[in-house]
Every structure is written in structure tokens, then in C-alpha cells.
Amino acid sequence: MTPITVRVEEPEDRTAVDDLVEEAFGEASVKRLVQLIRASEHWVPQLSLVARRDGELVGHVLLSTADLVANGDTQQILLLSPLAVRPSAQGSGIARRLVEEGIVAADRAGYAVIVLEGDPALYGRLGFEPATALGIERPSALIPEPAWQAHRLAAYHDGIRGRVTYQSAFWETGSVGP
């Protein structure tokens, strides 16, 4: 099998990324989510990664900022969503590679923690753990507690606690919970 290359999304990738995300999820709302995040203050360009194989875009992962609020103080953390792999390429390690590269990039950028909604069996293998056990509360009861997960990075410390506030893009597109 041809190797997978992962790199930062470039402006000329945007249309292909949008189409890939819509194809992977089967709905335009997730494509709109990516577009809204790109247009927001939560967009971190170096944390939007694409995977290519044989010159074809086969995957994308987006990490953007979210607020963690506790006792009137706000810290910025990262939210991993969405993660998309072309349906014909699923099951070939692309999602794992994108998440691993995203974790490395987030760590290098100095962030302390990444949160996400996802399958604990999948993300647990990638170092994610129950977020509530770390004192990181879900932004909504719509998110099943087992799906609410976090990955500690090198800058993590015990003061990383509070309730996550999702950016408006997630609410506008109905991208909260199952």
C-alpha cells in the first residue's frame, strides 16, 4: 500500500476538504461546521491537517480552540472535531495517523489538553481517557458521558478543570451529541 502523507491544510485544499467531510459524514452540516470554524476566532490553521495517498485527499482532522471555564477564569483548550476519512479509505489507519499527528502538532503548539466526543474504544487506543475524571465537564448533557474524552499533553496540569464551552459553530450545525 502506498504511504500516507499528512500535512497542514493549505488554502487550495479547502474545497476538497469540504467535499471529503460531507462525503465521510453523509451530510452537509459537518461541511458547514468546518467552514464556520475556519471563519471564526477558534480556527488554528496549523492544527487543520490533511492526509493524502497517491496524490488523493483521503482524510482530514480539525483541532480548534474551545473555552474551559472555572470560577470565572477561562483557559483555551483544544477540541478535536471533525475527523473525516474518505469512505473508500476507511479502516486503513488514516484516522489513527491523523489523530496522532494532530496530538503531536497540538503538543508542539503548547496546548495542555484536547477534548472530543467519540467512541471510547477507538480513542482510548490513542491515549484519550474520560474527560470528567480529569475534572473537564461536558458542554452539554446531549453528549453521552462515556463519549466525552480528553488527551493530556505535555503542558497539562491539575489546574485544567472546568466546563467546556463549545464555539457557536457546533450549536449552529447541530454538532453536539449523537
N, C-alpha and C. Protein backbone atom coordinates (compact mmCIF):
# COMPACT_ATOMS: atom_id res chain seq x y z
N MET A 1 0.84 -1.19 0.00
CA MET A 1 0.00 0.00 0.00
C MET A 1 0.88 1.25 0.00
N THR A 2 0.45 2.24 -0.72
CA THR A 2 1.17 3.50 -0.82
C THR A 2 1.15 4.21 0.52
N PRO A 3 2.27 4.83 0.88
CA PRO A 3 2.30 5.55 2.17
C PRO A 3 1.35 6.74 2.20
N ILE A 4 0.95 7.05 3.41
CA ILE A 4 0.08 8.19 3.66
C ILE A 4 0.96 9.36 4.06
N THR A 5 0.71 10.52 3.50
CA THR A 5 1.41 11.73 3.93
C THR A 5 0.40 12.63 4.63
N VAL A 6 0.84 13.25 5.72
CA VAL A 6 0.00 14.17 6.48
C VAL A 6 0.69 15.51 6.52
N ARG A 7 -0.07 16.56 6.26
CA ARG A 7 0.46 17.92 6.30
C ARG A 7 -0.64 18.89 6.69
N VAL A 8 -0.24 20.13 6.96
CA VAL A 8 -1.19 21.18 7.30
C VAL A 8 -2.05 21.49 6.07
N GLU A 9 -3.34 21.67 6.30
CA GLU A 9 -4.26 22.08 5.23
C GLU A 9 -3.81 23.42 4.67
N GLU A 10 -3.82 23.53 3.35
CA GLU A 10 -3.48 24.78 2.67
C GLU A 10 -4.75 25.35 2.05
N PRO A 11 -4.77 26.66 1.79
CA PRO A 11 -6.00 27.26 1.23
C PRO A 11 -6.52 26.54 -0.01
N GLU A 12 -5.64 26.04 -0.85
CA GLU A 12 -6.11 25.36 -2.07
C GLU A 12 -6.73 23.98 -1.78
N ASP A 13 -6.61 23.50 -0.55
CA ASP A 13 -7.22 22.22 -0.15
C ASP A 13 -8.67 22.38 0.28
N ARG A 14 -9.10 23.58 0.54
CA ARG A 14 -10.37 23.79 1.24
C ARG A 14 -11.58 23.17 0.56
N THR A 15 -11.73 23.36 -0.72
CA THR A 15 -12.90 22.78 -1.40
C THR A 15 -12.86 21.26 -1.32
N ALA A 16 -11.70 20.67 -1.53
CA ALA A 16 -11.57 19.21 -1.47
C ALA A 16 -11.83 18.71 -0.05
N VAL A 17 -11.36 19.44 0.96
CA VAL A 17 -11.61 19.06 2.36
C VAL A 17 -13.11 19.12 2.64
N ASP A 18 -13.75 20.20 2.24
CA ASP A 18 -15.19 20.35 2.46
C ASP A 18 -15.96 19.19 1.83
N ASP A 19 -15.60 18.85 0.59
CA ASP A 19 -16.27 17.74 -0.10
C ASP A 19 -16.00 16.41 0.59
N LEU A 20 -14.78 16.20 1.04
CA LEU A 20 -14.42 14.96 1.74
C LEU A 20 -15.21 14.82 3.04
N VAL A 21 -15.31 15.90 3.80
CA VAL A 21 -16.03 15.87 5.07
C VAL A 21 -17.50 15.55 4.83
N GLU A 22 -18.09 16.17 3.82
CA GLU A 22 -19.50 15.89 3.51
C GLU A 22 -19.67 14.43 3.08
N GLU A 23 -18.75 13.92 2.26
CA GLU A 23 -18.82 12.52 1.82
C GLU A 23 -18.67 11.56 3.01
N ALA A 24 -17.72 11.85 3.89
CA ALA A 24 -17.45 10.96 5.02
C ALA A 24 -18.63 10.90 6.00
N PHE A 25 -19.28 12.02 6.22
CA PHE A 25 -20.38 12.06 7.19
C PHE A 25 -21.76 11.91 6.54
N GLY A 26 -21.80 12.07 5.21
CA GLY A 26 -23.07 11.92 4.51
C GLY A 26 -24.04 13.04 4.76
N GLU A 27 -23.52 14.19 5.21
CA GLU A 27 -24.40 15.33 5.46
C GLU A 27 -23.64 16.64 5.34
N ALA A 28 -24.34 17.64 4.83
CA ALA A 28 -23.73 18.94 4.59
C ALA A 28 -23.45 19.72 5.87
N SER A 29 -24.13 19.36 6.98
CA SER A 29 -23.96 20.14 8.21
C SER A 29 -22.52 20.07 8.74
N VAL A 30 -21.84 18.94 8.55
CA VAL A 30 -20.46 18.83 9.04
C VAL A 30 -19.52 19.65 8.16
N LYS A 31 -19.79 19.67 6.87
CA LYS A 31 -19.04 20.55 5.96
C LYS A 31 -19.21 22.01 6.41
N ARG A 32 -20.44 22.38 6.74
CA ARG A 32 -20.72 23.75 7.22
C ARG A 32 -20.00 24.03 8.54
N LEU A 33 -19.92 23.01 9.41
CA LEU A 33 -19.19 23.15 10.67
C LEU A 33 -17.74 23.55 10.39
N VAL A 34 -17.09 22.85 9.48
CA VAL A 34 -15.69 23.15 9.14
C VAL A 34 -15.58 24.57 8.60
N GLN A 35 -16.50 24.96 7.73
CA GLN A 35 -16.46 26.30 7.16
C GLN A 35 -16.64 27.38 8.23
N LEU A 36 -17.56 27.15 9.17
CA LEU A 36 -17.78 28.13 10.24
C LEU A 36 -16.57 28.23 11.17
N ILE A 37 -15.95 27.09 11.48
CA ILE A 37 -14.76 27.13 12.33
C ILE A 37 -13.65 27.90 11.63
N ARG A 38 -13.44 27.63 10.35
CA ARG A 38 -12.39 28.35 9.60
C ARG A 38 -12.61 29.86 9.65
N ALA A 39 -13.85 30.30 9.68
CA ALA A 39 -14.18 31.73 9.67
C ALA A 39 -14.19 32.34 11.06
N SER A 40 -13.90 31.55 12.09
CA SER A 40 -14.02 32.03 13.46
C SER A 40 -12.66 32.30 14.11
N GLU A 41 -12.72 32.90 15.29
CA GLU A 41 -11.51 33.14 16.09
C GLU A 41 -10.97 31.84 16.69
N HIS A 42 -11.71 30.75 16.58
CA HIS A 42 -11.29 29.45 17.13
C HIS A 42 -10.41 28.66 16.16
N TRP A 43 -10.31 29.13 14.95
CA TRP A 43 -9.53 28.48 13.89
C TRP A 43 -8.04 28.57 14.21
N VAL A 44 -7.37 27.43 14.19
CA VAL A 44 -5.92 27.36 14.38
C VAL A 44 -5.37 26.70 13.11
N PRO A 45 -4.96 27.49 12.12
CA PRO A 45 -4.60 26.93 10.82
C PRO A 45 -3.60 25.77 10.86
N GLN A 46 -2.60 25.85 11.74
CA GLN A 46 -1.60 24.78 11.79
C GLN A 46 -2.12 23.49 12.41
N LEU A 47 -3.36 23.50 12.91
CA LEU A 47 -3.94 22.31 13.51
C LEU A 47 -5.11 21.75 12.68
N SER A 48 -5.15 22.12 11.42
CA SER A 48 -6.07 21.52 10.46
C SER A 48 -5.20 20.72 9.51
N LEU A 49 -5.30 19.40 9.62
CA LEU A 49 -4.38 18.52 8.89
C LEU A 49 -5.11 17.69 7.84
N VAL A 50 -4.43 17.44 6.73
CA VAL A 50 -4.97 16.60 5.67
C VAL A 50 -4.06 15.40 5.46
N ALA A 51 -4.67 14.30 5.05
CA ALA A 51 -3.92 13.08 4.69
C ALA A 51 -4.11 12.84 3.21
N ARG A 52 -3.01 12.47 2.56
CA ARG A 52 -3.04 12.16 1.13
C ARG A 52 -2.40 10.80 0.90
N ARG A 53 -2.95 10.11 -0.07
CA ARG A 53 -2.36 8.85 -0.53
C ARG A 53 -2.50 8.83 -2.05
N ASP A 54 -1.41 8.56 -2.73
CA ASP A 54 -1.39 8.57 -4.20
C ASP A 54 -1.91 9.90 -4.75
N GLY A 55 -1.59 11.00 -4.08
CA GLY A 55 -1.99 12.32 -4.54
C GLY A 55 -3.44 12.67 -4.26
N GLU A 56 -4.19 11.74 -3.69
CA GLU A 56 -5.62 11.96 -3.41
C GLU A 56 -5.82 12.32 -1.95
N LEU A 57 -6.66 13.30 -1.71
CA LEU A 57 -7.04 13.65 -0.34
C LEU A 57 -7.92 12.53 0.21
N VAL A 58 -7.48 11.90 1.30
CA VAL A 58 -8.22 10.76 1.87
C VAL A 58 -8.66 10.99 3.31
N GLY A 59 -8.18 12.08 3.94
CA GLY A 59 -8.58 12.32 5.32
C GLY A 59 -8.31 13.74 5.77
N HIS A 60 -8.99 14.12 6.85
CA HIS A 60 -8.85 15.46 7.43
C HIS A 60 -9.19 15.40 8.91
N VAL A 61 -8.42 16.13 9.70
CA VAL A 61 -8.75 16.31 11.11
C VAL A 61 -8.62 17.79 11.43
N LEU A 62 -9.53 18.27 12.27
CA LEU A 62 -9.54 19.67 12.65
C LEU A 62 -9.51 19.79 14.17
N LEU A 63 -8.51 20.51 14.66
CA LEU A 63 -8.44 20.86 16.08
C LEU A 63 -8.59 22.37 16.16
N SER A 64 -9.56 22.81 16.94
CA SER A 64 -9.81 24.24 17.10
C SER A 64 -9.91 24.53 18.60
N THR A 65 -9.91 25.79 18.94
CA THR A 65 -9.94 26.14 20.36
C THR A 65 -11.37 26.11 20.92
N ALA A 66 -11.42 25.83 22.20
CA ALA A 66 -12.66 25.89 22.97
C ALA A 66 -12.30 26.50 24.32
N ASP A 67 -13.27 27.10 24.96
CA ASP A 67 -13.03 27.70 26.27
C ASP A 67 -13.33 26.70 27.37
N LEU A 68 -12.47 26.68 28.36
CA LEU A 68 -12.67 25.89 29.58
C LEU A 68 -12.85 26.91 30.69
N VAL A 69 -14.04 26.92 31.30
CA VAL A 69 -14.39 27.96 32.26
C VAL A 69 -14.54 27.35 33.65
N ALA A 70 -13.86 27.96 34.63
CA ALA A 70 -13.97 27.55 36.03
C ALA A 70 -13.76 28.76 36.92
N ASN A 71 -14.67 28.97 37.85
CA ASN A 71 -14.55 30.06 38.83
C ASN A 71 -14.30 31.41 38.18
N GLY A 72 -14.95 31.66 37.06
CA GLY A 72 -14.82 32.94 36.38
C GLY A 72 -13.58 33.07 35.52
N ASP A 73 -12.69 32.08 35.56
CA ASP A 73 -11.48 32.10 34.73
C ASP A 73 -11.70 31.26 33.48
N THR A 74 -11.11 31.69 32.39
CA THR A 74 -11.24 30.98 31.13
C THR A 74 -9.86 30.61 30.62
N GLN A 75 -9.72 29.35 30.22
CA GLN A 75 -8.49 28.86 29.58
C GLN A 75 -8.86 28.34 28.21
N GLN A 76 -7.94 28.46 27.27
CA GLN A 76 -8.18 27.88 25.96
C GLN A 76 -7.61 26.48 25.91
N ILE A 77 -8.45 25.55 25.44
CA ILE A 77 -8.01 24.17 25.22
C ILE A 77 -8.35 23.84 23.77
N LEU A 78 -8.10 22.61 23.37
CA LEU A 78 -8.40 22.22 22.00
C LEU A 78 -9.54 21.22 21.94
N LEU A 79 -10.29 21.31 20.86
CA LEU A 79 -11.39 20.40 20.57
C LEU A 79 -11.07 19.71 19.25
N LEU A 80 -11.06 18.39 19.25
CA LEU A 80 -10.81 17.62 18.03
C LEU A 80 -12.16 17.26 17.43
N SER A 81 -12.51 17.93 16.33
CA SER A 81 -13.75 17.64 15.62
C SER A 81 -13.84 18.56 14.41
N PRO A 82 -14.16 18.03 13.27
CA PRO A 82 -14.39 16.62 12.97
C PRO A 82 -13.13 15.89 12.53
N LEU A 83 -13.25 14.58 12.50
CA LEU A 83 -12.24 13.69 11.94
C LEU A 83 -12.94 12.96 10.81
N ALA A 84 -12.43 13.10 9.59
CA ALA A 84 -13.10 12.52 8.43
C ALA A 84 -12.11 11.73 7.57
N VAL A 85 -12.56 10.56 7.13
CA VAL A 85 -11.78 9.73 6.21
C VAL A 85 -12.70 9.33 5.07
N ARG A 86 -12.20 9.44 3.86
CA ARG A 86 -12.98 9.04 2.68
C ARG A 86 -13.50 7.61 2.90
N PRO A 87 -14.79 7.37 2.68
CA PRO A 87 -15.34 6.04 2.94
C PRO A 87 -14.55 4.89 2.30
N SER A 88 -14.07 5.07 1.10
CA SER A 88 -13.32 4.00 0.42
C SER A 88 -11.95 3.75 1.06
N ALA A 89 -11.49 4.66 1.92
CA ALA A 89 -10.18 4.52 2.56
C ALA A 89 -10.29 4.21 4.05
N GLN A 90 -11.51 4.09 4.57
CA GLN A 90 -11.67 3.81 5.99
C GLN A 90 -11.14 2.42 6.34
N GLY A 91 -10.62 2.30 7.57
CA GLY A 91 -10.08 1.03 8.03
C GLY A 91 -8.65 0.78 7.62
N SER A 92 -8.00 1.81 7.07
CA SER A 92 -6.62 1.63 6.61
C SER A 92 -5.60 2.40 7.45
N GLY A 93 -6.00 2.87 8.62
CA GLY A 93 -5.07 3.55 9.52
C GLY A 93 -4.97 5.05 9.33
N ILE A 94 -5.75 5.61 8.44
CA ILE A 94 -5.66 7.05 8.16
C ILE A 94 -6.16 7.87 9.35
N ALA A 95 -7.27 7.47 9.96
CA ALA A 95 -7.80 8.20 11.11
C ALA A 95 -6.78 8.19 12.24
N ARG A 96 -6.22 7.05 12.53
CA ARG A 96 -5.20 6.94 13.59
C ARG A 96 -4.04 7.88 13.30
N ARG A 97 -3.56 7.87 12.08
CA ARG A 97 -2.42 8.70 11.71
C ARG A 97 -2.75 10.19 11.86
N LEU A 98 -3.94 10.58 11.43
CA LEU A 98 -4.34 11.99 11.56
C LEU A 98 -4.42 12.41 13.03
N VAL A 99 -5.02 11.56 13.86
CA VAL A 99 -5.13 11.90 15.28
C VAL A 99 -3.74 11.98 15.92
N GLU A 100 -2.89 11.02 15.63
CA GLU A 100 -1.54 11.03 16.20
C GLU A 100 -0.77 12.27 15.78
N GLU A 101 -0.86 12.63 14.51
CA GLU A 101 -0.17 13.84 14.02
C GLU A 101 -0.78 15.10 14.64
N GLY A 102 -2.10 15.10 14.83
CA GLY A 102 -2.76 16.23 15.47
C GLY A 102 -2.31 16.41 16.91
N ILE A 103 -2.16 15.30 17.62
CA ILE A 103 -1.68 15.35 19.01
C ILE A 103 -0.27 15.93 19.06
N VAL A 104 0.59 15.48 18.17
CA VAL A 104 1.98 15.99 18.14
C VAL A 104 1.98 17.49 17.84
N ALA A 105 1.20 17.91 16.87
CA ALA A 105 1.14 19.34 16.50
C ALA A 105 0.58 20.18 17.64
N ALA A 106 -0.45 19.68 18.32
CA ALA A 106 -1.04 20.42 19.45
C ALA A 106 -0.04 20.54 20.59
N ASP A 107 0.69 19.47 20.84
CA ASP A 107 1.71 19.47 21.89
C ASP A 107 2.79 20.51 21.56
N ARG A 108 3.25 20.49 20.33
CA ARG A 108 4.28 21.45 19.88
C ARG A 108 3.80 22.90 20.02
N ALA A 109 2.50 23.11 19.80
CA ALA A 109 1.93 24.46 19.88
C ALA A 109 1.72 24.91 21.32
N GLY A 110 1.94 24.01 22.29
CA GLY A 110 1.89 24.40 23.69
C GLY A 110 0.54 24.26 24.37
N TYR A 111 -0.41 23.63 23.72
CA TYR A 111 -1.71 23.42 24.36
C TYR A 111 -1.59 22.35 25.44
N ALA A 112 -2.53 22.36 26.38
CA ALA A 112 -2.45 21.45 27.53
C ALA A 112 -3.31 20.20 27.38
N VAL A 113 -4.42 20.33 26.67
CA VAL A 113 -5.35 19.19 26.59
C VAL A 113 -6.20 19.30 25.33
N ILE A 114 -6.59 18.13 24.83
CA ILE A 114 -7.52 18.03 23.69
C ILE A 114 -8.75 17.28 24.20
N VAL A 115 -9.94 17.79 23.87
CA VAL A 115 -11.17 17.09 24.21
C VAL A 115 -11.90 16.72 22.92
N LEU A 116 -12.79 15.73 23.04
CA LEU A 116 -13.60 15.32 21.89
C LEU A 116 -14.79 14.51 22.34
N GLU A 117 -15.74 14.38 21.42
CA GLU A 117 -16.86 13.46 21.57
C GLU A 117 -16.55 12.30 20.63
N GLY A 118 -16.49 11.08 21.15
CA GLY A 118 -16.21 9.96 20.26
C GLY A 118 -16.25 8.62 20.96
N ASP A 119 -16.03 7.60 20.18
CA ASP A 119 -16.06 6.22 20.65
C ASP A 119 -14.88 5.95 21.57
N PRO A 120 -15.14 5.63 22.85
CA PRO A 120 -14.05 5.38 23.79
C PRO A 120 -13.14 4.23 23.36
N ALA A 121 -13.69 3.23 22.70
CA ALA A 121 -12.86 2.10 22.26
C ALA A 121 -11.83 2.55 21.22
N LEU A 122 -12.23 3.40 20.31
CA LEU A 122 -11.32 3.90 19.29
C LEU A 122 -10.31 4.89 19.88
N TYR A 123 -10.82 5.91 20.55
CA TYR A 123 -9.94 6.97 21.03
C TYR A 123 -9.12 6.54 22.25
N GLY A 124 -9.61 5.59 23.02
CA GLY A 124 -8.83 5.07 24.15
C GLY A 124 -7.51 4.48 23.69
N ARG A 125 -7.51 3.85 22.52
CA ARG A 125 -6.27 3.28 21.96
C ARG A 125 -5.28 4.36 21.56
N LEU A 126 -5.76 5.59 21.45
CA LEU A 126 -4.91 6.71 21.03
C LEU A 126 -4.54 7.62 22.21
N GLY A 127 -4.79 7.15 23.43
CA GLY A 127 -4.38 7.89 24.61
C GLY A 127 -5.43 8.80 25.22
N PHE A 128 -6.66 8.74 24.71
CA PHE A 128 -7.73 9.54 25.30
C PHE A 128 -8.31 8.80 26.49
N GLU A 129 -8.84 9.55 27.44
CA GLU A 129 -9.41 9.00 28.67
C GLU A 129 -10.66 9.79 29.03
N PRO A 130 -11.48 9.28 29.95
CA PRO A 130 -12.69 10.01 30.32
C PRO A 130 -12.36 11.42 30.82
N ALA A 131 -12.93 12.41 30.16
CA ALA A 131 -12.62 13.81 30.50
C ALA A 131 -13.16 14.21 31.87
N THR A 132 -14.34 13.69 32.23
CA THR A 132 -14.91 14.08 33.52
C THR A 132 -14.04 13.60 34.68
N ALA A 133 -13.33 12.50 34.50
CA ALA A 133 -12.42 12.02 35.55
C ALA A 133 -11.28 13.00 35.78
N LEU A 134 -10.99 13.85 34.79
CA LEU A 134 -9.95 14.87 34.92
C LEU A 134 -10.54 16.20 35.39
N GLY A 135 -11.85 16.25 35.61
CA GLY A 135 -12.48 17.50 36.03
C GLY A 135 -12.85 18.40 34.87
N ILE A 136 -12.94 17.83 33.67
CA ILE A 136 -13.31 18.59 32.48
C ILE A 136 -14.74 18.20 32.11
N GLU A 137 -15.66 19.11 32.37
CA GLU A 137 -17.08 18.82 32.21
C GLU A 137 -17.56 19.04 30.77
N ARG A 138 -18.55 18.25 30.39
CA ARG A 138 -19.17 18.34 29.07
C ARG A 138 -19.87 19.69 28.91
N PRO A 139 -19.89 20.20 27.67
CA PRO A 139 -20.62 21.45 27.43
C PRO A 139 -22.12 21.25 27.37
N SER A 140 -22.56 19.98 27.28
CA SER A 140 -23.98 19.71 27.17
C SER A 140 -24.28 18.29 27.61
N ALA A 141 -25.45 18.11 28.22
CA ALA A 141 -25.90 16.77 28.60
C ALA A 141 -26.27 15.95 27.36
N LEU A 142 -26.34 16.57 26.19
CA LEU A 142 -26.59 15.84 24.95
C LEU A 142 -25.43 14.89 24.62
N ILE A 143 -24.26 15.17 25.16
CA ILE A 143 -23.08 14.35 24.91
C ILE A 143 -23.07 13.21 25.92
N PRO A 144 -23.12 11.97 25.47
CA PRO A 144 -23.05 10.86 26.42
C PRO A 144 -21.73 10.90 27.18
N GLU A 145 -21.80 10.76 28.50
CA GLU A 145 -20.58 10.88 29.29
C GLU A 145 -19.44 9.98 28.83
N PRO A 146 -19.69 8.71 28.45
CA PRO A 146 -18.57 7.88 28.00
C PRO A 146 -17.89 8.41 26.73
N ALA A 147 -18.63 9.16 25.92
CA ALA A 147 -18.07 9.71 24.68
C ALA A 147 -17.22 10.96 24.93
N TRP A 148 -17.35 11.57 26.08
CA TRP A 148 -16.63 12.81 26.41
C TRP A 148 -15.23 12.44 26.90
N GLN A 149 -14.22 12.72 26.08
CA GLN A 149 -12.86 12.25 26.35
C GLN A 149 -11.84 13.36 26.23
N ALA A 150 -10.68 13.12 26.85
CA ALA A 150 -9.59 14.10 26.83
C ALA A 150 -8.25 13.41 26.64
N HIS A 151 -7.33 14.14 26.07
CA HIS A 151 -5.96 13.66 25.92
C HIS A 151 -5.04 14.72 26.54
N ARG A 152 -4.32 14.32 27.58
CA ARG A 152 -3.40 15.25 28.24
C ARG A 152 -2.14 15.40 27.40
N LEU A 153 -1.69 16.65 27.26
CA LEU A 153 -0.45 16.97 26.54
C LEU A 153 0.62 17.38 27.54
N ALA A 154 1.81 17.65 27.07
CA ALA A 154 2.94 17.96 27.97
C ALA A 154 2.64 19.15 28.89
N ALA A 155 1.89 20.13 28.44
CA ALA A 155 1.59 21.32 29.25
C ALA A 155 0.45 21.10 30.24
N TYR A 156 -0.12 19.90 30.28
CA TYR A 156 -1.23 19.61 31.18
C TYR A 156 -0.79 19.75 32.64
N HIS A 157 -1.71 20.25 33.47
CA HIS A 157 -1.50 20.31 34.92
C HIS A 157 -2.87 20.15 35.59
N ASP A 158 -2.87 19.93 36.87
CA ASP A 158 -4.12 19.66 37.59
C ASP A 158 -5.08 20.84 37.62
N GLY A 159 -4.62 22.04 37.26
CA GLY A 159 -5.49 23.20 37.22
C GLY A 159 -6.36 23.26 35.98
N ILE A 160 -6.20 22.30 35.09
CA ILE A 160 -7.01 22.23 33.88
C ILE A 160 -8.33 21.57 34.26
N ARG A 161 -9.27 22.38 34.72
CA ARG A 161 -10.57 21.89 35.19
C ARG A 161 -11.63 22.92 34.83
N GLY A 162 -12.85 22.45 34.73
CA GLY A 162 -13.96 23.35 34.46
C GLY A 162 -14.90 22.77 33.42
N ARG A 163 -15.81 23.63 32.95
CA ARG A 163 -16.80 23.23 31.94
C ARG A 163 -16.35 23.79 30.59
N VAL A 164 -16.37 22.94 29.60
CA VAL A 164 -16.03 23.36 28.24
C VAL A 164 -17.22 24.11 27.65
N THR A 165 -16.92 25.19 26.97
CA THR A 165 -17.93 25.96 26.24
C THR A 165 -17.63 25.76 24.75
N TYR A 166 -18.55 25.13 24.06
CA TYR A 166 -18.38 24.94 22.62
C TYR A 166 -18.56 26.27 21.91
N GLN A 167 -17.82 26.43 20.84
CA GLN A 167 -17.99 27.59 19.98
C GLN A 167 -19.34 27.50 19.26
N SER A 168 -19.84 28.61 18.81
CA SER A 168 -21.19 28.67 18.23
C SER A 168 -21.35 27.77 17.01
N ALA A 169 -20.30 27.50 16.27
CA ALA A 169 -20.40 26.66 15.07
C ALA A 169 -21.00 25.29 15.38
N PHE A 170 -20.68 24.73 16.54
CA PHE A 170 -21.19 23.41 16.90
C PHE A 170 -22.69 23.45 17.16
N TRP A 171 -23.16 24.53 17.78
CA TRP A 171 -24.58 24.66 18.06
C TRP A 171 -25.35 24.98 16.78
N GLU A 172 -24.80 25.86 15.94
CA GLU A 172 -25.48 26.26 14.70
C GLU A 172 -25.67 25.10 13.75
N THR A 173 -24.78 24.12 13.78
CA THR A 173 -24.84 22.98 12.84
C THR A 173 -25.41 21.72 13.47
N GLY A 174 -25.82 21.80 14.74
CA GLY A 174 -26.36 20.62 15.41
C GLY A 174 -25.31 19.55 15.63
N SER A 175 -24.07 19.96 15.85
CA SER A 175 -22.95 19.03 16.00
C SER A 175 -22.59 18.76 17.45
N VAL A 176 -23.60 18.67 18.30
CA VAL A 176 -23.40 18.39 19.72
C VAL A 176 -24.15 17.11 20.07
N GLY A 177 -23.43 16.13 20.55
CA GLY A 177 -24.06 14.87 20.91
C GLY A 177 -24.32 13.98 19.70
N PRO A 178 -24.94 12.83 19.95
CA PRO A 178 -25.14 11.87 18.86
C PRO A 178 -26.13 12.36 17.81
